[in-house]
N, C-alpha and C. Protein backbone atom coordinates (compact mmCIF):
# COMPACT_ATOMS: atom_id res chain seq x y z
N MET A 1 114.77 100.43 113.92
CA MET A 1 113.47 100.17 113.37
C MET A 1 112.64 99.35 114.34
N SER A 2 113.26 98.46 115.10
CA SER A 2 112.49 97.64 116.03
C SER A 2 111.82 98.49 117.08
N THR A 3 112.46 99.59 117.49
CA THR A 3 111.84 100.50 118.47
C THR A 3 110.59 101.12 117.89
N THR A 4 110.69 101.59 116.66
CA THR A 4 109.54 102.22 116.02
C THR A 4 108.41 101.22 115.84
N MET A 5 108.73 100.05 115.36
CA MET A 5 107.69 99.06 115.08
C MET A 5 107.04 98.54 116.36
N SER A 6 107.70 98.68 117.51
CA SER A 6 107.10 98.21 118.75
C SER A 6 106.25 99.28 119.43
N ASN A 7 106.22 100.49 118.87
CA ASN A 7 105.42 101.57 119.42
C ASN A 7 103.98 101.38 118.97
N PRO A 8 103.05 101.18 119.90
CA PRO A 8 101.66 100.89 119.51
C PRO A 8 100.96 102.06 118.82
N THR A 9 101.50 103.27 118.90
CA THR A 9 100.84 104.41 118.26
C THR A 9 101.28 104.61 116.82
N VAL A 10 102.30 103.88 116.36
CA VAL A 10 102.74 104.01 114.98
C VAL A 10 101.73 103.30 114.09
N PRO A 11 101.17 104.03 113.13
CA PRO A 11 100.18 103.39 112.27
C PRO A 11 100.81 102.28 111.45
N ASP A 12 100.09 101.18 111.31
CA ASP A 12 100.59 100.05 110.54
C ASP A 12 100.17 100.23 109.11
N ALA A 13 101.06 100.82 108.32
CA ALA A 13 100.73 101.09 106.93
C ALA A 13 101.25 100.02 105.98
N SER A 14 101.92 99.01 106.52
CA SER A 14 102.43 97.97 105.63
C SER A 14 101.28 97.06 105.21
N PRO A 15 101.20 96.74 103.92
CA PRO A 15 100.07 95.96 103.43
C PRO A 15 99.99 94.57 104.05
N ALA A 16 101.10 94.00 104.43
CA ALA A 16 101.09 92.64 104.96
C ALA A 16 101.01 92.60 106.49
N GLY A 17 100.77 93.71 107.11
CA GLY A 17 100.73 93.75 108.58
C GLY A 17 102.10 94.01 109.15
N ALA A 18 102.48 93.28 110.18
CA ALA A 18 103.77 93.49 110.83
C ALA A 18 104.91 93.31 109.83
N LEU A 19 105.91 94.14 109.96
CA LEU A 19 107.02 94.14 109.03
C LEU A 19 108.30 93.81 109.77
N ASP A 20 109.07 92.91 109.23
CA ASP A 20 110.35 92.53 109.80
C ASP A 20 111.44 93.28 109.03
N SER A 21 112.42 93.84 109.75
CA SER A 21 113.45 94.63 109.09
C SER A 21 114.24 93.82 108.07
N GLU A 22 114.24 92.51 108.19
CA GLU A 22 114.94 91.67 107.21
C GLU A 22 114.23 91.65 105.86
N GLU A 23 113.00 92.14 105.83
CA GLU A 23 112.25 92.20 104.58
C GLU A 23 112.67 93.38 103.72
N LEU A 24 113.39 94.32 104.30
CA LEU A 24 113.81 95.51 103.57
C LEU A 24 115.13 95.21 102.86
N LEU A 25 115.05 94.90 101.59
CA LEU A 25 116.22 94.47 100.83
C LEU A 25 116.71 95.50 99.83
N SER A 26 115.85 96.45 99.47
CA SER A 26 116.25 97.45 98.48
C SER A 26 115.55 98.77 98.79
N ARG A 27 115.96 99.81 98.08
CA ARG A 27 115.33 101.12 98.26
C ARG A 27 113.84 101.07 97.92
N ALA A 28 113.48 100.23 96.99
CA ALA A 28 112.07 100.11 96.60
C ALA A 28 111.20 99.62 97.76
N ASP A 29 111.81 98.92 98.70
CA ASP A 29 111.06 98.38 99.83
C ASP A 29 110.64 99.45 100.84
N VAL A 30 111.11 100.68 100.66
CA VAL A 30 110.72 101.75 101.57
C VAL A 30 109.20 101.94 101.55
N ARG A 31 108.56 101.56 100.49
CA ARG A 31 107.09 101.68 100.40
C ARG A 31 106.39 100.79 101.42
N LEU A 32 107.10 99.81 101.95
CA LEU A 32 106.52 98.90 102.94
C LEU A 32 106.50 99.50 104.35
N LEU A 33 107.27 100.56 104.56
CA LEU A 33 107.38 101.15 105.89
C LEU A 33 106.12 101.91 106.28
N PRO A 34 105.76 101.89 107.54
CA PRO A 34 104.62 102.71 107.99
C PRO A 34 104.94 104.18 107.82
N VAL A 35 103.94 104.97 107.55
CA VAL A 35 104.12 106.40 107.35
C VAL A 35 103.44 107.13 108.50
N THR A 36 104.17 108.06 109.09
CA THR A 36 103.61 108.90 110.16
C THR A 36 103.20 110.22 109.54
N THR A 37 101.96 110.61 109.75
CA THR A 37 101.47 111.87 109.21
C THR A 37 101.45 112.95 110.29
N LYS A 38 101.31 114.17 109.85
CA LYS A 38 101.19 115.29 110.79
C LYS A 38 99.95 115.08 111.66
N GLU A 39 98.91 114.53 111.09
CA GLU A 39 97.69 114.26 111.86
C GLU A 39 97.95 113.23 112.96
N ASP A 40 98.79 112.23 112.69
CA ASP A 40 99.16 111.26 113.73
C ASP A 40 99.83 111.98 114.90
N LEU A 41 100.73 112.91 114.59
CA LEU A 41 101.42 113.66 115.64
C LEU A 41 100.44 114.52 116.43
N ARG A 42 99.50 115.14 115.74
CA ARG A 42 98.50 115.98 116.42
C ARG A 42 97.57 115.13 117.29
N ARG A 43 97.16 113.98 116.76
CA ARG A 43 96.24 113.10 117.48
C ARG A 43 96.84 112.59 118.77
N THR A 44 98.13 112.37 118.80
CA THR A 44 98.79 111.80 119.98
C THR A 44 99.55 112.85 120.79
N TYR A 45 99.26 114.14 120.56
CA TYR A 45 99.93 115.25 121.25
C TYR A 45 99.84 115.08 122.76
N PRO A 46 100.89 115.36 123.54
CA PRO A 46 102.16 115.88 123.05
C PRO A 46 103.21 114.81 122.78
N PHE A 47 103.24 113.73 123.55
CA PHE A 47 104.37 112.80 123.46
C PHE A 47 103.96 111.38 123.05
N GLY A 48 102.76 111.21 122.53
CA GLY A 48 102.25 109.88 122.25
C GLY A 48 102.98 109.10 121.16
N MET A 49 103.67 109.78 120.27
CA MET A 49 104.38 109.08 119.20
C MET A 49 105.83 108.79 119.56
N PHE A 50 106.27 109.21 120.73
CA PHE A 50 107.66 108.95 121.11
C PHE A 50 107.85 107.44 121.24
N ALA A 51 108.90 106.92 120.62
CA ALA A 51 109.16 105.48 120.62
C ALA A 51 110.16 105.08 121.70
N VAL A 52 110.62 106.05 122.48
CA VAL A 52 111.56 105.77 123.57
C VAL A 52 111.02 106.43 124.84
N PRO A 53 111.46 105.98 126.01
CA PRO A 53 111.04 106.62 127.25
C PRO A 53 111.53 108.08 127.29
N MET A 54 110.79 108.93 127.96
CA MET A 54 111.15 110.35 128.06
C MET A 54 112.57 110.55 128.60
N ALA A 55 113.04 109.64 129.44
CA ALA A 55 114.39 109.76 130.00
C ALA A 55 115.46 109.72 128.90
N GLN A 56 115.13 109.15 127.74
CA GLN A 56 116.09 109.07 126.64
C GLN A 56 115.98 110.25 125.67
N VAL A 57 114.98 111.09 125.84
CA VAL A 57 114.78 112.24 124.96
C VAL A 57 115.70 113.38 125.42
N ARG A 58 116.54 113.86 124.50
CA ARG A 58 117.50 114.91 124.83
C ARG A 58 117.07 116.29 124.35
N ARG A 59 116.34 116.35 123.25
CA ARG A 59 115.87 117.62 122.70
C ARG A 59 114.43 117.43 122.21
N ILE A 60 113.67 118.50 122.29
CA ILE A 60 112.29 118.49 121.80
C ILE A 60 112.11 119.67 120.86
N HIS A 61 111.45 119.41 119.75
CA HIS A 61 111.07 120.47 118.83
C HIS A 61 109.55 120.47 118.76
N ALA A 62 108.95 121.63 118.95
CA ALA A 62 107.48 121.72 118.91
C ALA A 62 107.08 122.84 117.96
N SER A 63 106.02 122.58 117.21
CA SER A 63 105.48 123.63 116.35
C SER A 63 104.62 124.55 117.19
N SER A 64 104.28 125.67 116.63
CA SER A 64 103.43 126.63 117.35
C SER A 64 101.96 126.24 117.30
N GLY A 65 101.59 125.41 116.35
CA GLY A 65 100.20 125.00 116.24
C GLY A 65 99.32 126.03 115.57
N THR A 66 99.90 126.90 114.74
CA THR A 66 99.10 127.96 114.12
C THR A 66 98.05 127.43 113.16
N THR A 67 98.24 126.23 112.61
CA THR A 67 97.24 125.67 111.68
C THR A 67 96.51 124.49 112.30
N GLY A 68 96.53 124.38 113.59
CA GLY A 68 95.88 123.27 114.28
C GLY A 68 96.59 122.99 115.58
N ARG A 69 96.37 121.82 116.11
CA ARG A 69 97.05 121.42 117.34
C ARG A 69 98.55 121.36 117.09
N PRO A 70 99.36 121.81 118.05
CA PRO A 70 100.82 121.75 117.87
C PRO A 70 101.30 120.31 117.69
N THR A 71 102.46 120.17 117.09
CA THR A 71 103.10 118.86 116.98
C THR A 71 104.43 118.90 117.72
N VAL A 72 104.82 117.77 118.27
CA VAL A 72 106.06 117.67 119.05
C VAL A 72 106.88 116.51 118.52
N VAL A 73 108.17 116.75 118.34
CA VAL A 73 109.10 115.71 117.92
C VAL A 73 110.24 115.67 118.92
N GLY A 74 110.60 114.47 119.37
CA GLY A 74 111.70 114.32 120.33
C GLY A 74 112.91 113.69 119.67
N TYR A 75 114.08 114.07 120.16
CA TYR A 75 115.33 113.55 119.62
C TYR A 75 116.16 112.93 120.74
N THR A 76 116.67 111.73 120.50
CA THR A 76 117.57 111.07 121.45
C THR A 76 118.99 111.55 121.18
N GLN A 77 119.92 111.20 122.05
CA GLN A 77 121.32 111.57 121.82
C GLN A 77 121.82 110.95 120.52
N GLY A 78 121.38 109.73 120.23
CA GLY A 78 121.77 109.10 118.97
C GLY A 78 121.27 109.87 117.76
N ASP A 79 120.03 110.38 117.83
CA ASP A 79 119.50 111.20 116.75
C ASP A 79 120.36 112.44 116.55
N LEU A 80 120.70 113.11 117.64
CA LEU A 80 121.49 114.33 117.56
C LEU A 80 122.89 114.04 117.02
N ASP A 81 123.49 112.94 117.44
CA ASP A 81 124.81 112.58 116.95
C ASP A 81 124.77 112.33 115.44
N ARG A 82 123.75 111.60 114.97
CA ARG A 82 123.63 111.34 113.54
C ARG A 82 123.39 112.63 112.76
N CYS A 83 122.65 113.54 113.33
CA CYS A 83 122.39 114.83 112.68
C CYS A 83 123.69 115.61 112.51
N VAL A 84 124.53 115.62 113.53
CA VAL A 84 125.81 116.32 113.45
C VAL A 84 126.70 115.69 112.37
N VAL A 85 126.77 114.37 112.36
CA VAL A 85 127.59 113.67 111.37
C VAL A 85 127.06 113.98 109.97
N ASP A 86 125.75 113.89 109.78
CA ASP A 86 125.15 114.14 108.48
C ASP A 86 125.42 115.57 108.03
N PHE A 87 125.22 116.53 108.92
CA PHE A 87 125.45 117.93 108.59
C PHE A 87 126.92 118.14 108.21
N THR A 88 127.82 117.56 108.99
CA THR A 88 129.25 117.72 108.74
C THR A 88 129.62 117.12 107.39
N GLU A 89 129.12 115.93 107.11
CA GLU A 89 129.44 115.29 105.83
C GLU A 89 128.88 116.07 104.65
N ARG A 90 127.73 116.67 104.82
CA ARG A 90 127.11 117.39 103.71
C ARG A 90 127.67 118.78 103.50
N THR A 91 128.24 119.38 104.51
CA THR A 91 128.70 120.76 104.36
C THR A 91 130.21 120.88 104.52
N VAL A 92 130.70 120.68 105.71
CA VAL A 92 132.11 120.91 105.98
C VAL A 92 133.01 119.97 105.20
N CYS A 93 132.66 118.70 105.14
CA CYS A 93 133.52 117.70 104.50
C CYS A 93 133.27 117.55 103.01
N ASN A 94 132.33 118.28 102.47
CA ASN A 94 132.02 118.14 101.05
C ASN A 94 131.97 119.50 100.38
N PRO A 95 133.15 120.09 100.12
CA PRO A 95 133.15 121.42 99.52
C PRO A 95 132.52 121.47 98.14
N SER A 96 132.31 120.31 97.50
CA SER A 96 131.67 120.32 96.19
C SER A 96 130.22 120.77 96.26
N THR A 97 129.65 120.78 97.45
CA THR A 97 128.26 121.25 97.59
C THR A 97 128.19 122.76 97.55
N GLY A 98 129.34 123.41 97.61
CA GLY A 98 129.35 124.86 97.60
C GLY A 98 129.16 125.45 98.98
N SER A 99 129.16 124.62 99.99
CA SER A 99 128.95 125.13 101.35
C SER A 99 130.04 124.64 102.29
N GLY A 100 131.24 124.54 101.78
CA GLY A 100 132.35 124.11 102.61
C GLY A 100 132.67 125.12 103.69
N ALA A 101 133.37 124.68 104.72
CA ALA A 101 133.70 125.56 105.84
C ALA A 101 134.94 126.36 105.51
N GLU A 102 134.73 127.57 105.03
CA GLU A 102 135.84 128.44 104.69
C GLU A 102 135.49 129.86 105.13
N GLY A 103 136.47 130.59 105.60
CA GLY A 103 136.26 131.99 105.92
C GLY A 103 135.65 132.21 107.29
N PRO A 104 135.24 133.46 107.54
CA PRO A 104 134.80 133.85 108.88
C PRO A 104 133.49 133.21 109.34
N ASP A 105 132.71 132.64 108.45
CA ASP A 105 131.43 132.05 108.84
C ASP A 105 131.57 130.69 109.52
N THR A 106 132.77 130.16 109.60
CA THR A 106 132.97 128.84 110.17
C THR A 106 132.96 128.85 111.69
N GLY A 107 133.05 130.03 112.27
CA GLY A 107 133.11 130.12 113.73
C GLY A 107 134.53 130.17 114.25
N THR A 108 135.50 129.80 113.42
CA THR A 108 136.89 129.81 113.88
C THR A 108 137.38 131.23 114.07
N GLU A 109 136.94 132.13 113.22
CA GLU A 109 137.34 133.54 113.36
C GLU A 109 136.79 134.12 114.66
N ARG A 110 135.54 133.81 114.97
CA ARG A 110 134.92 134.34 116.18
C ARG A 110 135.61 133.79 117.43
N SER A 111 136.04 132.51 117.37
CA SER A 111 136.64 131.91 118.55
C SER A 111 138.03 132.47 118.83
N ARG A 112 138.65 133.08 117.82
CA ARG A 112 140.00 133.64 118.01
C ARG A 112 139.96 135.04 118.62
N ARG A 113 138.81 135.67 118.61
CA ARG A 113 138.70 137.05 119.11
C ARG A 113 138.79 137.11 120.60
């Protein structure tokens, strides 16, 4: 959060101004966080909202811009690692979701060929 809050292009949507992460004590406090809109991304196109140096960006996702100026989102290695863990926990490790890793769609069948 400190990286995001130190980015001068992040809109300050907190009513009290600067926000300290120690102020976030419950889920209800999420309302205190600044909100980034699609317009913010378009206004700072292409990389103005990135909160880390480009050298730390590992993947980029960009929209086509069919409804306006394109938007770009960058992901660090940490972002990608968390995404893999989250995906794994929600699908492979949690068969109660109905999307457990079973059968030929898991990739294991293809790797044996």
